[in-house]
């Protein structure tokens, strides 16, 4: 994304750089990375200043887009991870008595029942996270 922004910003300068290197007498019209018109400023006299400000703005916009996309990807990965954990819990019920609550033990069937209740609650939490 940064490389694209760099090429987008530098592209208007390339003809001027080529003319300068070739020592040509040709006059190249000044172009900007984006359509710009500032009232009260001489666009030709302040070309470098306006180009720098517009280039900085383009980089900021590109960084915001990149950060937003990255955040979306992380949230999507986290959501998929939550559902993967619930799927693993459902596929692998407890094989022994794991649930003991206040010195009151459950039978094996009760432990599995409690396990599936916990899986349903975790699934609901994952759905709430998605929404």
Foldseek 3Di string as FASTA:
>chain_A
DVVVLVCLLCVQVVVVVVCVVVVHPDDDDRDESDDDDDPPDDCVVCVVVVSVVVSVVSVVVVVVVVVVVVVVVVLVVVLVVLVVVLVVLVVDDDPDFDDDDPNRGDDPVVSSVVSVVVSVVSVVVSVVSVD
